[in-house]
Amino acid sequence: MAERRVLWKSSAVQTRAKAALAGVGLLALGAFWLTLPRAAPPVSVSEAAPAPQRPGALVPRPDVRWIAAAGGQVPELNQVSLEQDLALAARTFGGTGTVLFAAGPDAPVVQVLAQPRSSDDPARALAELFAPRGGRDATYRAPEIDVDGPATAQSVSAAIEAAVTVPGPPLLVYLGGHGNRGPSDAENTVELWGQSQLDAIDLAALLRDTKRPVQVVATTCFSGGLAELAFAEANVEAGPFPGEVCGLFAAPHDLEASGCDPNPDRAAQEGFGLHFLRALEGKTKDGATVPMAEIDFDGDGTIGAREAHAYVRIHSAAFDVPTSVSERWLEAVAPGPGAERADVDLPEEDAVIAALSRSLALVDVVERARVHLRELEAKIETRGQALSRAQQTEERAYRAAAAEILARWPVLDDPWHPEFATTLGRNIDALREHFASAPSYATYLSARDEVDQLSTQIFDLRAKAAPYERLTRSLQYRRRAARLAARGGPQWDRFEMLRRCELRAPPR
């Protein structure tokens, strides 16, 4: 796949604010805007199974069958859906496991959607203009699930290292939350608490001498970068990875993934983690039971991780385009034309191809899927160019609106200034009038709305394009596997090992 534009569902100003969060000193920026009381809807993490009380401090254990970690770098990125997914993972995996979440078991950093504040509140308008960030229409609480420790890079690494240094049954490592692009695919990051990160290079070092087979599942944006675990040191030039390590991911190396929702209503969520974990249970995203024959594609009586991964590719309405280590291996070792073996048994890929061909009503499957995908990608690119122009317009409008306010009230861009509260209180009515009538502010709001509308259009187009890309990739997977099978040898043996690893059902 060609390199694609990364398009966030946020305005240019919000993107600047996100970048500012990289500085620790700015993490508290905007605290003033969160002072008004708001009622949060009740939340029950109903998917959490009863479990023994966990210790408050993490003690890495070598006997675990699975490690599940999720969370964001800061509170506003610890959406309640991540907690719900961890509860579902703990129930689905069963047995002995380790749960790592956000800042730890008692930290009140779980973000839950709350009632919005008044739209004519001058303090809110100032905050959205000068310090835009997520989470202002949210409240925060401590986790309601059993948590062993924080989801920092250090704690996740320690848990993995302890688990793989002694022989044992296969280990499942589940990584949920957020991800970012890196300078290379192997440097795409899983973002963790305390502004820490893990990438494929880090995981390759941790797993280099593993004494156990390891299956990695990641739900983050750009998580396909972890597919570089196909290779030693996460480097294609270094040859195959020395141990039995495989992985399934929510998105390719160059695309975002869905999920990370502060709305606790599971019916409103579309994240890959929810779809995947439910599929492992033999259920739809909404919890309805799926006939075994519709998800156990190889008919062995169990639902393996790769079968759940295939079920998501068939049924998810989100814009996710899931990928895997075995797909990356095929891309590296069987990219070009060549002889093909017709009898390669790939039941989960056959199921994806058949189901998506039917749902998309495609006759000439290979060519029409590519044509539709190219058409939708062209529309996405056109909207992306319009979005870039709209973001530039928003930037100019922001500067004009900000300048007009600061010319009258110079300290109102800094809630930490000693005169801020007095200035805001003394001029609250004048500010309310300004935001209601100033042409510069109206122009800014209009520009911001245009950015949001274009962003929504792009994400809607991506959702339409996703099944075509899933189908195209599945067809390509089958063709490459057939070419590699015709050649045989160690590279084919490696592919078969990766598929067996990815097909493995979670521990129970």
Protein backbone atom coordinates (compact mmCIF):
# COMPACT_ATOMS: atom_id res chain seq x y z
CA MET A 1 0.00 0.00 0.00
CA ALA A 2 1.17 3.50 -0.78
CA GLU A 3 2.02 5.93 1.96
CA ARG A 4 -1.06 7.84 3.05
CA ARG A 5 -1.82 11.18 4.57
CA VAL A 6 -2.48 11.07 8.30
CA LEU A 7 -5.65 13.04 8.96
CA TRP A 8 -6.72 13.57 12.55
CA LYS A 9 -10.32 14.28 13.45
CA SER A 10 -9.42 17.59 15.08
CA SER A 11 -8.71 21.15 14.13
CA ALA A 12 -5.32 22.64 13.38
CA VAL A 13 -5.37 24.50 16.68
CA GLN A 14 -6.26 21.31 18.56
CA THR A 15 -3.38 19.55 16.85
CA ARG A 16 -1.01 22.27 18.10
CA ALA A 17 -2.36 21.77 21.59
CA LYS A 18 -1.81 18.02 21.39
CA ALA A 19 1.79 18.61 20.37
CA ALA A 20 2.21 20.90 23.35
CA LEU A 21 1.31 18.02 25.66
CA ALA A 22 4.72 16.55 24.93
CA GLY A 23 6.09 19.04 27.45
CA VAL A 24 5.58 17.92 31.04
CA GLY A 25 5.23 21.50 32.23
CA LEU A 26 2.14 21.97 30.07
CA LEU A 27 0.23 18.90 31.24
CA ALA A 28 -1.74 20.95 33.76
CA LEU A 29 -2.64 23.67 31.24
CA GLY A 30 -6.37 24.22 31.26
CA ALA A 31 -7.03 23.00 34.81
CA PHE A 32 -8.87 26.25 35.52
CA TRP A 33 -11.43 25.37 32.85
CA LEU A 34 -12.35 22.14 34.62
CA THR A 35 -13.53 23.68 37.90
CA LEU A 36 -17.29 23.78 37.31
CA PRO A 37 -19.17 20.75 38.71
CA ARG A 38 -20.69 18.40 36.16
CA ALA A 39 -22.67 15.22 36.69
CA ALA A 40 -21.28 12.12 35.06
CA PRO A 41 -23.57 9.32 33.86
CA PRO A 42 -23.37 6.18 35.96
CA VAL A 43 -20.84 3.67 34.68
CA SER A 44 -20.71 -0.01 35.42
CA VAL A 45 -17.89 -2.08 34.03
CA SER A 46 -20.18 -5.08 33.76
CA GLU A 47 -17.72 -7.16 31.77
CA ALA A 48 -15.34 -7.48 34.72
CA ALA A 49 -15.38 -11.02 36.11
CA PRO A 50 -15.04 -11.57 39.87
CA ALA A 51 -11.38 -12.00 40.74
CA PRO A 52 -9.21 -12.15 43.83
CA GLN A 53 -8.06 -8.77 45.11
CA ARG A 54 -4.86 -7.80 43.34
CA PRO A 55 -1.91 -6.24 45.15
CA GLY A 56 -1.51 -2.50 44.88
CA ALA A 57 2.05 -2.63 43.57
CA LEU A 58 3.07 -4.53 40.47
CA VAL A 59 5.20 -7.60 41.05
CA PRO A 60 6.17 -9.08 37.66
CA ARG A 61 5.36 -12.79 37.55
CA PRO A 62 6.82 -15.52 35.35
CA ASP A 63 3.74 -17.77 35.59
CA VAL A 64 1.27 -15.48 33.81
CA ARG A 65 -0.54 -16.70 30.68
CA TRP A 66 -1.40 -13.21 29.49
CA ILE A 67 -0.51 -9.55 30.01
CA ALA A 68 -3.11 -6.88 29.16
CA ALA A 69 -2.04 -3.24 29.20
CA ALA A 70 -3.90 -0.12 28.10
CA GLY A 71 -4.05 3.60 28.69
CA GLY A 72 -2.79 6.89 27.40
CA GLN A 73 0.03 9.24 28.23
CA VAL A 74 -2.19 11.70 30.14
CA PRO A 75 -5.65 11.51 31.79
CA GLU A 76 -7.57 12.80 28.76
CA LEU A 77 -6.29 9.78 26.81
CA ASN A 78 -7.50 7.19 29.35
CA GLN A 79 -11.00 6.83 27.96
CA VAL A 80 -13.44 4.56 29.76
CA SER A 81 -13.66 2.23 26.74
CA LEU A 82 -10.05 1.20 27.39
CA GLU A 83 -10.96 0.17 30.93
CA GLN A 84 -13.99 -1.71 29.61
CA ASP A 85 -11.83 -3.50 27.03
CA LEU A 86 -9.39 -4.59 29.74
CA ALA A 87 -12.28 -5.95 31.81
CA LEU A 88 -13.49 -7.89 28.78
CA ALA A 89 -9.95 -9.12 28.04
CA ALA A 90 -9.50 -10.41 31.61
CA ARG A 91 -12.80 -12.30 31.38
CA THR A 92 -12.12 -13.63 27.88
CA PHE A 93 -8.55 -14.76 28.52
CA GLY A 94 -9.21 -16.23 31.97
CA GLY A 95 -6.52 -17.99 33.98
CA THR A 96 -3.52 -16.20 35.44
CA GLY A 97 -2.84 -12.78 33.99
CA THR A 98 -1.55 -9.29 34.67
CA VAL A 99 -3.63 -6.14 34.12
CA LEU A 100 -1.79 -2.84 33.70
CA PHE A 101 -3.87 0.29 33.26
CA ALA A 102 -3.16 4.02 33.06
CA ALA A 103 -1.55 5.36 36.26
CA GLY A 104 -2.41 2.33 38.39
CA PRO A 105 -5.18 0.90 40.55
CA ASP A 106 -6.10 3.96 42.61
CA ALA A 107 -5.33 6.84 40.26
CA PRO A 108 -8.48 8.84 39.33
CA VAL A 109 -7.60 9.14 35.64
CA VAL A 110 -10.37 7.18 33.87
CA GLN A 111 -12.10 9.61 31.52
CA VAL A 112 -15.91 9.34 31.37
CA LEU A 113 -18.17 11.52 29.24
CA ALA A 114 -20.14 14.04 31.28
CA GLN A 115 -22.80 16.63 30.62
CA PRO A 116 -21.52 19.52 28.44
CA ARG A 117 -21.09 22.96 29.92
CA SER A 118 -23.13 25.94 28.81
CA SER A 119 -22.21 27.02 25.29
CA ASP A 120 -22.31 30.73 26.22
CA ASP A 121 -19.80 30.37 29.07
CA PRO A 122 -16.96 32.89 28.40
CA ALA A 123 -14.48 30.74 30.33
CA ARG A 124 -15.23 27.81 28.03
CA ALA A 125 -14.88 30.00 24.94
CA LEU A 126 -11.50 31.27 26.17
CA ALA A 127 -10.33 27.74 26.87
CA GLU A 128 -11.36 26.45 23.45
CA LEU A 129 -9.65 29.39 21.77
CA PHE A 130 -6.37 29.60 23.68
CA ALA A 131 -5.88 26.08 25.05
CA PRO A 132 -7.96 23.52 23.11
CA ARG A 133 -7.72 19.97 24.40
CA GLY A 134 -9.90 16.92 24.89
CA GLY A 135 -11.60 15.93 28.12
CA ARG A 136 -13.39 19.14 29.12
CA ASP A 137 -16.76 17.50 28.67
CA ALA A 138 -15.63 14.61 30.86
CA THR A 139 -15.16 13.66 34.47
CA TYR A 140 -12.47 11.41 35.96
CA ARG A 141 -12.54 8.56 38.45
CA ALA A 142 -10.40 5.67 39.67
CA PRO A 143 -10.54 2.32 37.86
CA GLU A 144 -13.47 0.05 38.71
CA ILE A 145 -11.60 -3.09 37.63
CA ASP A 146 -8.79 -4.99 39.31
CA VAL A 147 -5.48 -3.46 38.23
CA ASP A 148 -2.03 -4.82 39.04
CA GLY A 149 -0.05 -1.69 38.22
CA PRO A 150 0.38 1.29 35.92
CA ALA A 151 0.64 0.93 32.17
CA THR A 152 4.03 2.56 31.80
CA ALA A 153 6.69 1.40 29.38
CA GLN A 154 8.76 0.31 32.38
CA SER A 155 6.00 -1.78 33.99
CA VAL A 156 4.88 -3.36 30.71
CA SER A 157 8.48 -4.21 29.85
CA ALA A 158 9.11 -5.66 33.31
CA ALA A 159 5.99 -7.82 33.12
CA ILE A 160 6.92 -9.16 29.67
CA GLU A 161 10.55 -9.75 30.62
CA ALA A 162 9.59 -11.71 33.74
CA ALA A 163 7.14 -13.84 31.77
CA VAL A 164 9.45 -14.83 28.90
CA THR A 165 12.66 -15.61 30.79
CA VAL A 166 11.46 -19.05 31.91
CA PRO A 167 9.94 -21.83 29.78
CA GLY A 168 6.20 -22.08 29.83
CA PRO A 169 2.98 -22.18 27.82
CA PRO A 170 2.30 -19.55 25.13
CA LEU A 171 2.02 -15.96 26.35
CA LEU A 172 -0.52 -13.44 25.02
CA VAL A 173 0.40 -9.73 25.23
CA TYR A 174 -2.56 -7.38 24.65
CA LEU A 175 -1.77 -3.68 24.12
CA GLY A 176 -4.66 -1.22 23.97
CA GLY A 177 -4.92 2.53 23.71
CA HIS A 178 -3.14 4.99 21.49
CA GLY A 179 -0.28 4.96 19.00
CA ASN A 180 1.80 7.37 16.95
CA ARG A 181 3.85 7.29 13.77
CA GLY A 182 7.62 7.04 14.11
CA PRO A 183 10.53 7.83 11.76
CA SER A 184 10.23 4.23 10.51
CA ASP A 185 7.55 1.55 10.81
CA ALA A 186 9.53 -0.23 13.53
CA GLU A 187 9.50 3.03 15.49
CA ASN A 188 5.73 3.48 15.46
CA THR A 189 4.89 3.73 19.14
CA VAL A 190 2.36 2.39 21.59
CA GLU A 191 1.77 5.38 23.87
CA LEU A 192 1.76 4.60 27.59
CA TRP A 193 1.28 6.41 30.88
CA GLY A 194 3.77 9.06 31.98
CA GLN A 195 4.58 9.97 28.37
CA SER A 196 6.39 6.67 27.90
CA GLN A 197 6.38 4.53 24.75
CA LEU A 198 7.10 1.10 23.35
CA ASP A 199 7.83 0.23 19.73
CA ALA A 200 8.68 -2.88 17.72
CA ILE A 201 12.39 -2.39 18.38
CA ASP A 202 11.75 -2.38 22.14
CA LEU A 203 9.55 -5.46 21.95
CA ALA A 204 12.05 -7.28 19.73
CA ALA A 205 14.74 -6.71 22.36
CA LEU A 206 12.45 -7.95 25.16
CA LEU A 207 11.44 -11.06 23.21
CA ARG A 208 14.76 -11.88 21.56
CA ASP A 209 15.56 -14.73 23.97
CA THR A 210 11.99 -15.70 24.85
CA LYS A 211 11.59 -19.17 26.29
CA ARG A 212 7.88 -19.19 25.36
CA PRO A 213 5.83 -18.61 22.20
CA VAL A 214 4.41 -15.08 22.28
CA GLN A 215 1.30 -13.73 20.56
CA VAL A 216 0.97 -9.91 20.50
CA VAL A 217 -2.37 -8.16 19.92
CA ALA A 218 -2.41 -4.35 19.61
CA THR A 219 -5.46 -2.13 19.08
CA THR A 220 -3.63 1.19 18.69
CA CYS A 221 -3.37 3.58 15.76
CA PHE A 222 -0.50 2.65 13.41
CA SER A 223 -0.12 -0.64 15.30
CA GLY A 224 0.91 -2.37 12.08
CA GLY A 225 4.38 -1.00 12.77
CA LEU A 226 4.65 -3.80 15.34
CA ALA A 227 4.47 -6.27 12.46
CA GLU A 228 8.20 -5.62 12.07
CA LEU A 229 8.42 -8.28 14.79
CA ALA A 230 8.51 -10.64 11.82
CA PHE A 231 12.22 -9.85 11.71
CA ALA A 232 15.15 -10.07 14.11
CA GLU A 233 15.70 -6.72 15.83
CA ALA A 234 12.53 -5.53 14.02
CA ASN A 235 14.77 -5.05 10.97
CA VAL A 236 13.94 -6.74 7.67
CA GLU A 237 17.65 -6.85 6.80
CA ALA A 238 18.39 -8.99 9.88
CA GLY A 239 16.36 -12.00 8.76
CA PRO A 240 13.49 -13.77 10.54
CA PHE A 241 12.84 -13.31 14.24
CA PRO A 242 14.70 -16.03 16.17
CA GLY A 243 11.76 -17.14 18.35
CA GLU A 244 8.10 -18.00 17.93
CA VAL A 245 6.58 -14.52 18.04
CA CYS A 246 3.53 -13.41 16.07
CA GLY A 247 1.01 -10.59 16.17
CA LEU A 248 -2.40 -9.26 15.14
CA PHE A 249 -3.05 -5.53 14.88
CA ALA A 250 -5.96 -3.13 14.46
CA ALA A 251 -4.45 -1.02 11.69
CA PRO A 252 -1.63 -0.88 9.13
CA HIS A 253 1.54 1.03 9.88
CA ASP A 254 0.20 4.16 8.16
CA LEU A 255 -3.44 4.40 9.33
CA GLU A 256 -5.31 5.24 12.51
CA ALA A 257 -7.52 2.75 14.35
CA SER A 258 -10.96 3.36 15.83
CA GLY A 259 -11.84 3.16 19.51
CA CYS A 260 -10.77 5.07 22.66
CA ASP A 261 -14.24 6.36 23.51
CA PRO A 262 -15.13 8.35 26.68
CA ASN A 263 -18.79 7.35 26.19
CA PRO A 264 -19.40 4.32 28.44
CA ASP A 265 -22.30 3.09 26.28
CA ARG A 266 -20.86 -0.04 24.64
CA ALA A 267 -23.57 0.04 21.96
CA ALA A 268 -22.14 3.35 20.73
CA GLN A 269 -18.55 2.05 20.51
CA GLU A 270 -16.87 0.60 17.41
CA GLY A 271 -13.30 -0.03 18.59
CA PHE A 272 -11.27 -2.94 17.26
CA GLY A 273 -10.64 -4.20 20.81
CA LEU A 274 -14.37 -4.58 21.54
CA HIS A 275 -15.03 -6.36 18.22
CA PHE A 276 -12.00 -8.65 18.59
CA LEU A 277 -12.54 -9.65 22.21
CA ARG A 278 -16.24 -10.29 21.68
CA ALA A 279 -15.41 -12.42 18.63
CA LEU A 280 -13.08 -14.55 20.77
CA GLU A 281 -16.12 -15.23 22.96
CA GLY A 282 -18.14 -16.23 19.90
CA LYS A 283 -20.27 -13.09 20.03
CA THR A 284 -21.04 -10.01 17.99
CA LYS A 285 -19.87 -6.60 19.11
CA ASP A 286 -23.24 -6.13 20.85
CA GLY A 287 -23.05 -9.46 22.68
CA ALA A 288 -25.30 -11.67 20.55
CA THR A 289 -24.13 -15.27 20.18
CA VAL A 290 -22.64 -16.16 16.78
CA PRO A 291 -23.19 -19.68 15.38
CA MET A 292 -19.90 -21.51 15.72
CA ALA A 293 -19.67 -22.27 12.00
CA GLU A 294 -19.70 -18.52 11.24
CA ILE A 295 -16.53 -17.83 13.22
CA ASP A 296 -14.70 -21.15 13.67
CA PHE A 297 -13.50 -21.05 10.07
CA ASP A 298 -11.20 -24.08 10.27
CA GLY A 299 -13.82 -26.18 12.06
CA ASP A 300 -11.59 -27.32 14.91
CA GLY A 301 -14.11 -26.45 17.62
CA THR A 302 -12.25 -23.43 19.00
CA ILE A 303 -12.05 -19.75 18.05
CA GLY A 304 -8.46 -18.76 17.45
CA ALA A 305 -7.14 -15.21 17.55
CA ARG A 306 -6.69 -15.07 13.77
CA GLU A 307 -10.29 -16.27 13.30
CA ALA A 308 -11.53 -13.47 15.58
CA HIS A 309 -9.31 -11.09 13.60
CA ALA A 310 -10.97 -12.32 10.36
CA TYR A 311 -14.45 -11.97 11.87
CA VAL A 312 -13.69 -8.32 12.69
CA ARG A 313 -12.51 -7.73 9.11
CA ILE A 314 -15.84 -9.08 7.85
CA HIS A 315 -18.25 -7.40 10.25
CA SER A 316 -16.76 -4.19 11.69
CA ALA A 317 -18.43 -0.99 10.51
CA ALA A 318 -15.42 1.07 11.61
CA PHE A 319 -12.60 2.32 9.39
CA ASP A 320 -10.10 -0.20 10.79
CA VAL A 321 -8.00 -2.23 8.33
CA PRO A 322 -6.51 -4.98 10.55
CA THR A 323 -3.17 -6.58 9.67
CA SER A 324 -0.72 -9.14 11.08
CA VAL A 325 2.89 -10.29 11.34
CA SER A 326 2.23 -13.09 8.85
CA GLU A 327 0.95 -10.52 6.33
CA ARG A 328 4.12 -8.48 6.78
CA TRP A 329 6.21 -11.65 6.29
CA LEU A 330 4.47 -12.37 2.99
CA GLU A 331 4.97 -8.78 1.88
CA ALA A 332 8.72 -9.11 2.52
CA VAL A 333 9.42 -12.57 1.11
CA ALA A 334 6.82 -13.02 -1.66
CA PRO A 335 6.08 -9.55 -3.04
CA GLY A 336 6.36 -10.15 -6.79
CA PRO A 337 4.83 -12.44 -9.42
CA GLY A 338 5.68 -16.12 -9.61
CA ALA A 339 4.30 -19.62 -9.75
CA GLU A 340 1.42 -20.32 -7.36
CA ARG A 341 0.26 -23.45 -5.57
CA ALA A 342 -3.49 -23.88 -5.78
CA ASP A 343 -4.08 -26.02 -2.69
CA VAL A 344 -2.99 -23.64 0.09
CA ASP A 345 -5.45 -23.95 2.98
CA LEU A 346 -6.33 -20.50 4.36
CA PRO A 347 -9.91 -20.88 5.61
CA GLU A 348 -10.09 -17.58 7.47
CA GLU A 349 -8.89 -15.64 4.41
CA ASP A 350 -11.36 -17.51 2.20
CA ALA A 351 -14.11 -16.53 4.64
CA VAL A 352 -13.11 -12.85 4.50
CA ILE A 353 -12.96 -12.88 0.69
CA ALA A 354 -16.32 -14.65 0.30
CA ALA A 355 -18.17 -12.53 2.88
CA LEU A 356 -16.86 -9.15 1.73
CA SER A 357 -17.39 -10.03 -1.94
CA ARG A 358 -21.05 -10.76 -1.13
CA SER A 359 -21.63 -7.71 1.05
CA LEU A 360 -19.98 -5.39 -1.50
CA ALA A 361 -21.83 -7.10 -4.38
CA LEU A 362 -18.67 -7.57 -6.43
CA VAL A 363 -18.59 -9.89 -9.42
CA ASP A 364 -15.07 -9.41 -10.79
CA VAL A 365 -13.77 -9.39 -7.23
CA VAL A 366 -10.10 -8.60 -7.73
CA GLU A 367 -10.46 -5.79 -10.26
CA ARG A 368 -13.63 -4.18 -8.91
CA ALA A 369 -12.34 -4.13 -5.33
CA ARG A 370 -9.22 -2.30 -6.51
CA VAL A 371 -11.24 0.13 -8.65
CA HIS A 372 -13.60 1.03 -5.83
CA LEU A 373 -10.70 1.39 -3.41
CA ARG A 374 -8.81 3.69 -5.79
CA GLU A 375 -11.92 5.82 -6.30
CA LEU A 376 -12.50 6.20 -2.57
CA GLU A 377 -8.82 6.91 -1.87
CA ALA A 378 -8.92 9.65 -4.54
CA LYS A 379 -11.89 11.22 -2.78
CA ILE A 380 -10.08 10.96 0.55
CA GLU A 381 -7.02 12.68 -0.95
CA THR A 382 -9.20 15.47 -2.41
CA ARG A 383 -10.89 16.02 0.94
CA GLY A 384 -7.48 15.91 2.61
CA GLN A 385 -6.23 18.73 0.42
CA ALA A 386 -9.37 20.73 1.22
CA LEU A 387 -8.78 20.01 4.91
CA SER A 388 -5.23 21.37 4.71
CA ARG A 389 -6.55 24.58 3.19
CA ALA A 390 -9.31 24.80 5.79
CA GLN A 391 -6.78 24.33 8.61
CA GLN A 392 -4.71 27.20 7.23
CA THR A 393 -7.85 29.37 7.15
CA GLU A 394 -8.64 28.36 10.72
CA GLU A 395 -5.12 29.24 11.80
CA ARG A 396 -5.45 32.74 10.36
CA ALA A 397 -8.89 33.17 11.91
CA TYR A 398 -7.60 32.00 15.27
CA ARG A 399 -4.79 34.57 15.22
CA ALA A 400 -7.19 37.39 14.39
CA ALA A 401 -9.72 36.40 17.04
CA ALA A 402 -7.01 35.94 19.68
CA ALA A 403 -5.40 39.28 18.88
CA GLU A 404 -8.69 41.13 19.29
CA ILE A 405 -9.28 39.63 22.73
CA LEU A 406 -5.72 40.17 23.97
CA ALA A 407 -5.77 43.79 22.81
CA ARG A 408 -8.50 44.40 25.41
CA TRP A 409 -7.65 41.80 28.07
CA PRO A 410 -3.93 40.93 27.82
CA VAL A 411 -3.83 38.18 30.47
CA LEU A 412 -6.78 36.05 29.37
CA ASP A 413 -4.63 33.58 27.45
CA ASP A 414 -2.91 32.52 30.70
CA PRO A 415 -5.11 31.05 33.48
CA TRP A 416 -2.04 30.92 35.76
CA HIS A 417 -1.42 34.69 35.60
CA PRO A 418 -2.09 36.28 39.04
CA GLU A 419 -4.53 38.76 37.46
CA PHE A 420 -6.41 36.22 35.35
CA ALA A 421 -9.26 35.41 37.75
CA THR A 422 -9.84 39.06 38.63
CA THR A 423 -9.83 40.12 34.97
CA LEU A 424 -12.22 37.33 34.01
CA GLY A 425 -14.62 38.05 36.87
CA ARG A 426 -14.63 41.82 36.30
CA ASN A 427 -15.25 41.52 32.57
CA ILE A 428 -17.48 38.46 32.35
CA ASP A 429 -20.44 40.34 30.82
CA ALA A 430 -18.22 42.18 28.33
CA LEU A 431 -16.63 38.89 27.30
CA ARG A 432 -20.02 37.26 26.87
CA GLU A 433 -21.04 40.15 24.60
CA HIS A 434 -17.76 39.93 22.70
CA PHE A 435 -18.12 36.23 21.96
CA ALA A 436 -21.75 36.77 20.90
CA SER A 437 -21.06 39.64 18.50
CA ALA A 438 -17.40 39.94 17.45
CA PRO A 439 -17.00 39.25 13.69
CA SER A 440 -13.46 37.90 14.18
CA TYR A 441 -14.68 35.26 16.62
CA ALA A 442 -17.60 34.32 14.38
CA THR A 443 -15.15 33.88 11.51
CA TYR A 444 -13.00 31.63 13.68
CA LEU A 445 -15.98 29.47 14.67
CA SER A 446 -17.00 29.15 11.04
CA ALA A 447 -13.48 28.11 10.03
CA ARG A 448 -13.33 25.59 12.86
CA ASP A 449 -16.67 24.12 11.81
CA GLU A 450 -15.39 23.72 8.25
CA VAL A 451 -12.37 21.81 9.53
CA ASP A 452 -14.59 19.54 11.62
CA GLN A 453 -16.97 18.90 8.73
CA LEU A 454 -14.15 17.97 6.36
CA SER A 455 -12.57 15.73 9.00
CA THR A 456 -15.89 13.94 9.48
CA GLN A 457 -16.28 13.50 5.73
CA ILE A 458 -12.80 11.96 5.52
CA PHE A 459 -13.47 9.51 8.32
CA ASP A 460 -16.80 8.57 6.75
CA LEU A 461 -15.02 7.92 3.45
CA ARG A 462 -12.44 5.82 5.26
CA ALA A 463 -15.22 3.73 6.76
CA LYS A 464 -16.59 3.18 3.24
CA ALA A 465 -13.13 2.36 1.89
CA ALA A 466 -12.21 -0.03 4.73
CA PRO A 467 -14.06 -3.15 3.51
CA TYR A 468 -12.60 -2.70 0.01
CA GLU A 469 -9.11 -2.43 1.45
CA ARG A 470 -9.67 -5.40 3.77
CA LEU A 471 -10.82 -7.44 0.77
CA THR A 472 -7.92 -6.28 -1.40
CA ARG A 473 -5.41 -7.13 1.30
CA SER A 474 -6.97 -10.54 1.90
CA LEU A 475 -6.81 -11.35 -1.83
CA GLN A 476 -3.19 -10.21 -1.86
CA TYR A 477 -2.45 -12.32 1.25
CA ARG A 478 -3.80 -15.43 -0.49
CA ARG A 479 -1.87 -14.78 -3.73
CA ARG A 480 1.40 -14.22 -1.89
CA ALA A 481 0.87 -17.29 0.28
CA ALA A 482 0.26 -19.36 -2.87
CA ARG A 483 3.50 -18.06 -4.40
CA LEU A 484 5.46 -18.77 -1.24
CA ALA A 485 3.96 -22.27 -0.99
CA ALA A 486 5.07 -23.02 -4.55
CA ARG A 487 8.65 -22.15 -3.56
CA GLY A 488 8.55 -23.95 -0.24
CA GLY A 489 11.66 -23.97 1.95
CA PRO A 490 12.44 -22.17 5.23
CA GLN A 491 10.48 -19.03 4.34
CA TRP A 492 7.33 -21.09 3.79
CA ASP A 493 7.97 -22.99 7.02
CA ARG A 494 8.29 -19.67 8.81
CA PHE A 495 4.97 -18.48 7.37
CA GLU A 496 3.21 -21.65 8.52
CA MET A 497 4.64 -21.17 12.02
CA LEU A 498 3.41 -17.56 12.11
CA ARG A 499 -0.09 -18.58 11.05
CA ARG A 500 -0.23 -21.35 13.65
CA CYS A 501 0.87 -18.83 16.25
CA GLU A 502 -1.75 -16.30 15.14
CA LEU A 503 -4.47 -18.96 15.03
CA ARG A 504 -3.80 -19.96 18.65
CA ALA A 505 -6.81 -19.50 20.93
CA PRO A 506 -6.28 -17.37 24.05
CA PRO A 507 -5.51 -19.15 27.33
CA ARG A 508 -8.50 -20.07 29.45
